[in-house]
C-alpha atoms as a PDB file:
ATOM      1  CA  MET A   1      97.281  81.327  84.759  1.00  0.00           C
ATOM      2  CA  PRO A   2      93.953  82.230  83.650  1.00  0.00           C
ATOM      3  CA  ASP A   3      92.851  85.547  82.707  1.00  0.00           C
ATOM      4  CA  ARG A   4      90.272  85.623  85.293  1.00  0.00           C
ATOM      5  CA  ALA A   5      89.695  82.916  87.760  1.00  0.00           C
ATOM      6  CA  SER A   6      86.449  81.870  88.917  1.00  0.00           C
ATOM      7  CA  ILE A   7      87.064  81.043  92.054  1.00  0.00           C
ATOM      8  CA  VAL A   8      90.577  82.589  93.779  1.00  0.00           C
ATOM      9  CA  VAL A   9      92.009  80.871  96.727  1.00  0.00           C
ATOM     10  CA  ILE A  10      94.343  82.019  99.748  1.00  0.00           C
ATOM     11  CA  LEU A  11      96.199  80.599 101.892  1.00  0.00           C
ATOM     12  CA  ALA A  12      98.185  82.042 104.693  1.00  0.00           C
ATOM     13  CA  GLU A  13      99.666  81.879 107.895  1.00  0.00           C
ATOM     14  CA  ASP A  14      97.725  84.621 109.198  1.00  0.00           C
ATOM     15  CA  GLN A  15      96.034  87.546 109.129  1.00  0.00           C
ATOM     16  CA  GLU A  16      98.297  90.014 107.859  1.00  0.00           C
ATOM     17  CA  HIS A  17      99.311  87.993 104.848  1.00  0.00           C
ATOM     18  CA  GLN A  18      95.898  87.379 104.308  1.00  0.00           C
ATOM     19  CA  ASN A  19      95.007  90.605 104.227  1.00  0.00           C
ATOM     20  CA  LEU A  20      97.429  91.812 102.035  1.00  0.00           C
ATOM     21  CA  VAL A  21      97.173  89.852  99.216  1.00  0.00           C
ATOM     22  CA  TRP A  22      92.753  90.375  99.523  1.00  0.00           C
ATOM     23  CA  HIS A  23      93.503  94.004  99.370  1.00  0.00           C
ATOM     24  CA  TYR A  24      95.846  93.780  96.549  1.00  0.00           C
ATOM     25  CA  LEU A  25      93.030  91.608  94.819  1.00  0.00           C
ATOM     26  CA  LYS A  26      90.957  94.807  95.690  1.00  0.00           C
ATOM     27  CA  HIS A  27      93.244  96.683  93.120  1.00  0.00           C
ATOM     28  CA  CYS A  28      93.086  94.069  90.332  1.00  0.00           C
ATOM     29  CA  THR A  29      90.903  95.032  87.401  1.00  0.00           C
ATOM     30  CA  ALA A  30      89.973  90.985  87.511  1.00  0.00           C
ATOM     31  CA  TYR A  31      88.956  90.634  91.102  1.00  0.00           C
ATOM     32  CA  LYS A  32      88.085  94.127  92.555  1.00  0.00           C
ATOM     33  CA  LYS A  33      83.815  93.854  91.619  1.00  0.00           C
ATOM     34  CA  LYS A  34      84.161  90.055  91.952  1.00  0.00           C
ATOM     35  CA  MET A  35      85.624  89.666  95.434  1.00  0.00           C
ATOM     36  CA  GLY A  36      82.809  87.035  96.318  1.00  0.00           C
ATOM     37  CA  CYS A  37      84.700  84.500  94.644  1.00  0.00           C
ATOM     38  CA  VAL A  38      87.965  84.674  96.901  1.00  0.00           C
ATOM     39  CA  ARG A  39      87.980  82.233  98.962  1.00  0.00           C
ATOM     40  CA  LYS A  40      89.858  82.615 102.568  1.00  0.00           C
ATOM     41  CA  VAL A  41      91.059  79.061 104.296  1.00  0.00           C
ATOM     42  CA  PRO A  42      90.788  79.132 107.924  1.00  0.00           C
ATOM     43  CA  LEU A  43      93.969  80.846 109.610  1.00  0.00           C
ATOM     44  CA  PRO A  44      95.677  78.530 112.213  1.00  0.00           C
ATOM     45  CA  GLY A  45      94.592  80.749 115.085  1.00  0.00           C
ATOM     46  CA  GLY A  46      97.702  80.625 116.936  1.00  0.00           C
ATOM     47  CA  ARG A  47      98.652  77.101 117.486  1.00  0.00           C
ATOM     48  CA  GLY A  48     101.785  76.192 116.070  1.00  0.00           C
ATOM     49  CA  CYS A  49     104.174  77.738 113.440  1.00  0.00           C
ATOM     50  CA  GLY A  50     102.236  79.320 110.795  1.00  0.00           C
ATOM     51  CA  SER A  51     104.224  78.170 108.219  1.00  0.00           C
ATOM     52  CA  GLN A  52     103.843  74.876 109.196  1.00  0.00           C
ATOM     53  CA  TYR A  53     100.276  75.032 109.328  1.00  0.00           C
ATOM     54  CA  VAL A  54     100.635  76.523 105.162  1.00  0.00           C
ATOM     55  CA  ARG A  55     102.882  73.165 104.334  1.00  0.00           C
ATOM     56  CA  GLN A  56     100.608  70.679 105.732  1.00  0.00           C
ATOM     57  CA  GLN A  57      97.640  72.803 103.980  1.00  0.00           C
ATOM     58  CA  PHE A  58      99.149  73.380 100.713  1.00  0.00           C
ATOM     59  CA  PRO A  59      98.841  69.673  99.174  1.00  0.00           C
ATOM     60  CA  GLY A  60      95.241  69.709  99.911  1.00  0.00           C
ATOM     61  CA  GLN A  61      94.559  72.705  98.325  1.00  0.00           C
ATOM     62  CA  VAL A  62      96.463  72.408  95.123  1.00  0.00           C
ATOM     63  CA  ALA A  63      94.304  69.152  94.658  1.00  0.00           C
ATOM     64  CA  ALA A  64      91.210  71.240  95.120  1.00  0.00           C
ATOM     65  CA  CYS A  65      92.950  73.276  92.819  1.00  0.00           C
ATOM     66  CA  ARG A  66      93.473  70.995  90.129  1.00  0.00           C
ATOM     67  CA  GLY A  67      90.539  68.944  90.803  1.00  0.00           C
ATOM     68  CA  ARG A  68      88.028  72.313  89.852  1.00  0.00           C
ATOM     69  CA  HIS A  69      86.527  72.211  86.875  1.00  0.00           C
ATOM     70  CA  ALA A  70      86.084  76.345  86.947  1.00  0.00           C
ATOM     71  CA  SER A  71      89.164  78.324  86.306  1.00  0.00           C
ATOM     72  CA  ASN A  72      91.368  79.146  89.298  1.00  0.00           C
ATOM     73  CA  LEU A  73      93.806  80.346  91.267  1.00  0.00           C
ATOM     74  CA  LEU A  74      95.544  79.132  94.854  1.00  0.00           C
ATOM     75  CA  ILE A  75      97.692  82.418  96.265  1.00  0.00           C
ATOM     76  CA  VAL A  76      99.949  80.613  98.908  1.00  0.00           C
ATOM     77  CA  ILE A  77     101.774  83.237 101.283  1.00  0.00           C
ATOM     78  CA  THR A  78     104.086  81.594 103.692  1.00  0.00           C
ATOM     79  CA  ASP A  79     107.708  83.137 105.109  1.00  0.00           C
ATOM     80  CA  ALA A  80     110.315  81.483 104.641  1.00  0.00           C
ATOM     81  CA  ASP A  81     112.042  82.359 107.909  1.00  0.00           C
ATOM     82  CA  HIS A  82     115.404  80.638 108.587  1.00  0.00           C
ATOM     83  CA  LEU A  83     115.727  79.350 105.321  1.00  0.00           C
ATOM     84  CA  SER A  84     115.483  81.515 101.644  1.00  0.00           C
ATOM     85  CA  ALA A  85     112.412  81.598  99.450  1.00  0.00           C
ATOM     86  CA  ALA A  86     113.730  79.588  97.337  1.00  0.00           C
ATOM     87  CA  GLU A  87     114.352  77.361 100.260  1.00  0.00           C
ATOM     88  CA  ARG A  88     110.542  77.652 101.207  1.00  0.00           C
ATOM     89  CA  GLU A  89     109.329  76.983  98.449  1.00  0.00           C
ATOM     90  CA  GLN A  90     110.754  73.807  97.715  1.00  0.00           C
ATOM     91  CA  THR A  91     109.020  72.429 101.108  1.00  0.00           C
ATOM     92  CA  LEU A  92     105.890  72.890  99.930  1.00  0.00           C
ATOM     93  CA  CYS A  93     107.076  71.406  96.679  1.00  0.00           C
ATOM     94  CA  ASP A  94     108.118  68.524  98.891  1.00  0.00           C
ATOM     95  CA  GLU A  95     104.738  68.081 100.951  1.00  0.00           C
ATOM     96  CA  LEU A  96     102.946  67.522  97.452  1.00  0.00           C
ATOM     97  CA  THR A  97     105.625  64.544  96.806  1.00  0.00           C
ATOM     98  CA  GLN A  98     104.961  63.380 100.441  1.00  0.00           C
ATOM     99  CA  ASN A  99     101.835  63.125  99.263  1.00  0.00           C
ATOM    100  CA  ASN A 100     101.803  61.070  95.721  1.00  0.00           C
ATOM    101  CA  GLN A 101     101.044  64.723  93.855  1.00  0.00           C
ATOM    102  CA  PRO A 102     102.652  65.573  90.735  1.00  0.00           C
ATOM    103  CA  ALA A 103     105.152  68.609  90.591  1.00  0.00           C
ATOM    104  CA  ILE A 104     103.931  72.152  89.844  1.00  0.00           C
ATOM    105  CA  GLY A 105     104.082  73.106  86.582  1.00  0.00           C
ATOM    106  CA  GLU A 106     101.429  75.005  84.416  1.00  0.00           C
ATOM    107  CA  ASP A 107      99.329  75.106  87.622  1.00  0.00           C
ATOM    108  CA  PRO A 108      97.273  78.263  88.518  1.00  0.00           C
ATOM    109  CA  ILE A 109      99.536  78.540  91.298  1.00  0.00           C
ATOM    110  CA  VAL A 110     101.180  81.938  92.773  1.00  0.00           C
ATOM    111  CA  ILE A 111     103.803  81.381  95.891  1.00  0.00           C
ATOM    112  CA  LEU A 112     104.899  84.252  97.753  1.00  0.00           C
ATOM    113  CA  VAL A 113     107.571  84.128 100.328  1.00  0.00           C
ATOM    114  CA  PRO A 114     108.611  87.567 102.378  1.00  0.00           C
ATOM    115  CA  LYS A 115     111.818  86.666 104.358  1.00  0.00           C
ATOM    116  CA  TRP A 116     110.726  86.611 108.423  1.00  0.00           C
ATOM    117  CA  GLN A 117     107.561  87.717 108.267  1.00  0.00           C
ATOM    118  CA  VAL A 118     104.798  90.016 106.125  1.00  0.00           C
ATOM    119  CA  GLU A 119     105.341  93.099 108.035  1.00  0.00           C
ATOM    120  CA  THR A 120     108.774  93.980 106.548  1.00  0.00           C
ATOM    121  CA  TRP A 121     107.071  94.133 102.713  1.00  0.00           C
ATOM    122  CA  VAL A 122     104.228  96.337 104.510  1.00  0.00           C
ATOM    123  CA  LYS A 123     106.555  98.491 105.924  1.00  0.00           C
ATOM    124  CA  CYS A 124     109.122  98.543 103.160  1.00  0.00           C
ATOM    125  CA  LEU A 125     105.557  99.577 100.696  1.00  0.00           C
ATOM    126  CA  LEU A 126     104.929 102.217 103.246  1.00  0.00           C
ATOM    127  CA  GLY A 127     108.220 103.457 103.070  1.00  0.00           C
ATOM    128  CA  GLN A 128     109.957 102.427 106.027  1.00  0.00           C
ATOM    129  CA  ALA A 129     113.534 101.599 105.574  1.00  0.00           C
ATOM    130  CA  VAL A 130     113.463  97.773 107.203  1.00  0.00           C
ATOM    131  CA  GLN A 131     116.353  95.469 107.369  1.00  0.00           C
ATOM    132  CA  GLU A 132     114.843  92.287 105.609  1.00  0.00           C
ATOM    133  CA  ASP A 133     117.265  89.976 108.099  1.00  0.00           C
ATOM    134  CA  ASP A 134     115.753  91.218 110.851  1.00  0.00           C
ATOM    135  CA  LYS A 135     113.438  88.997 112.670  1.00  0.00           C
ATOM    136  CA  ASP A 136     111.737  92.028 114.830  1.00  0.00           C
ATOM    137  CA  THR A 137     110.450  93.530 112.126  1.00  0.00           C
ATOM    138  CA  ASP A 138     107.055  93.007 113.142  1.00  0.00           C
ATOM    139  CA  LYS A 139     107.342  95.063 116.285  1.00  0.00           C
ATOM    140  CA  PRO A 140     105.861  97.336 116.127  1.00  0.00           C
ATOM    141  CA  ALA A 141     102.535  95.949 114.918  1.00  0.00           C
ATOM    142  CA  VAL A 142     101.246  97.174 111.608  1.00  0.00           C
ATOM    143  CA  THR A 143      97.396  98.195 111.816  1.00  0.00           C
ATOM    144  CA  ALA A 144      94.920  97.352 109.212  1.00  0.00           C
ATOM    145  CA  PRO A 145      94.894 101.078 107.203  1.00  0.00           C
ATOM    146  CA  GLN A 146      99.132 100.273 106.498  1.00  0.00           C
ATOM    147  CA  VAL A 147      98.029  96.814 104.683  1.00  0.00           C
ATOM    148  CA  ILE A 148      95.792  98.404 102.918  1.00  0.00           C
ATOM    149  CA  ALA A 149      97.687 101.255 102.199  1.00  0.00           C
ATOM    150  CA  ALA A 150     100.458  99.044 101.678  1.00  0.00           C
ATOM    151  CA  ALA A 151      98.514  96.838  99.275  1.00  0.00           C
ATOM    152  CA  SER A 152      97.925  99.607  96.983  1.00  0.00           C
ATOM    153  CA  THR A 153     101.811 100.517  96.548  1.00  0.00           C
ATOM    154  CA  LEU A 154     102.144  97.020  96.215  1.00  0.00           C
ATOM    155  CA  HIS A 155      99.770  97.484  93.119  1.00  0.00           C
ATOM    156  CA  ASP A 156     101.754 100.052  91.814  1.00  0.00           C
ATOM    157  CA  TRP A 157     104.883  98.731  92.158  1.00  0.00           C
ATOM    158  CA  ALA A 158     103.993  95.177  90.523  1.00  0.00           C
ATOM    159  CA  ARG A 159     102.909  96.758  87.020  1.00  0.00           C
ATOM    160  CA  LEU A 160     104.786  95.854  84.270  1.00  0.00           C
ATOM    161  CA  ASN A 161     108.100  98.742  84.291  1.00  0.00           C
ATOM    162  CA  ALA A 162     106.854 100.731  87.446  1.00  0.00           C
ATOM    163  CA  GLN A 163     108.972 102.488  89.554  1.00  0.00           C
ATOM    164  CA  ILE A 164     110.158 100.599  92.140  1.00  0.00           C
ATOM    165  CA  GLY A 165     110.518 102.181  95.869  1.00  0.00           C
ATOM    166  CA  ALA A 166     114.109 102.748  96.799  1.00  0.00           C
ATOM    167  CA  THR A 167     112.646 101.061 100.584  1.00  0.00           C
ATOM    168  CA  CYS A 168     111.860  98.094  98.519  1.00  0.00           C
ATOM    169  CA  VAL A 169     113.801  94.589 100.238  1.00  0.00           C
ATOM    170  CA  ASP A 170     115.235  91.828  98.054  1.00  0.00           C
ATOM    171  CA  SER A 171     112.384  89.466  98.762  1.00  0.00           C
ATOM    172  CA  LEU A 172     109.460  91.691  97.656  1.00  0.00           C
ATOM    173  CA  ARG A 173     111.888  92.961  94.406  1.00  0.00           C
ATOM    174  CA  SER A 174     111.852  88.636  93.679  1.00  0.00           C
ATOM    175  CA  ALA A 175     108.360  88.770  94.222  1.00  0.00           C
ATOM    176  CA  LEU A 176     106.992  91.659  92.077  1.00  0.00           C
ATOM    177  CA  PRO A 177     106.565  88.853  89.072  1.00  0.00           C
ATOM    178  CA  ARG A 178     104.747  86.416  91.080  1.00  0.00           C
ATOM    179  CA  TRP A 179     101.959  89.099  91.862  1.00  0.00           C
ATOM    180  CA  ARG A 180     101.820  90.715  88.714  1.00  0.00           C
ATOM    181  CA  ARG A 181     100.803  87.162  87.528  1.00  0.00           C
ATOM    182  CA  ILE A 182      98.051  87.198  90.106  1.00  0.00           C
ATOM    183  CA  GLY A 183      96.638  90.282  88.188  1.00  0.00           C
END
């Protein structure tokens, strides 16, 4: 993972996913003054399944990441839905294989996988007790200020030896080392 990526690309399935990563980056020393180096892949536009959109975009974004001469970082955030986080990640790796690309090795790629929706992570970061297997944790919807506050807490929780809140759900707890790799 580069110490300071010249280019950061966010591949997300919807606005809440994208915003959580964006606001998290604002807390990272390496990026907070260089947010102009962050590129958000256009969102699917409300048509179809967000995780399918991410899977379809993934091989092209990986190829672009690998092809750049500058240091870079690809951050992918997609829901596991009915799969486990490991199974969702495998669906992404399968897309690389189907597109005749090598598997992820030392590539500067971070894959983040909430269970049903990122709102579960946002709400647990805000101190709410939520059930990770509840498909309706996106109701009521989270607001932009809540996502910003959650990103700040996430940055605190992702620090090495941090005190993690009691409301942290398993998928976020397992993803914290990956968030830490971002910065």
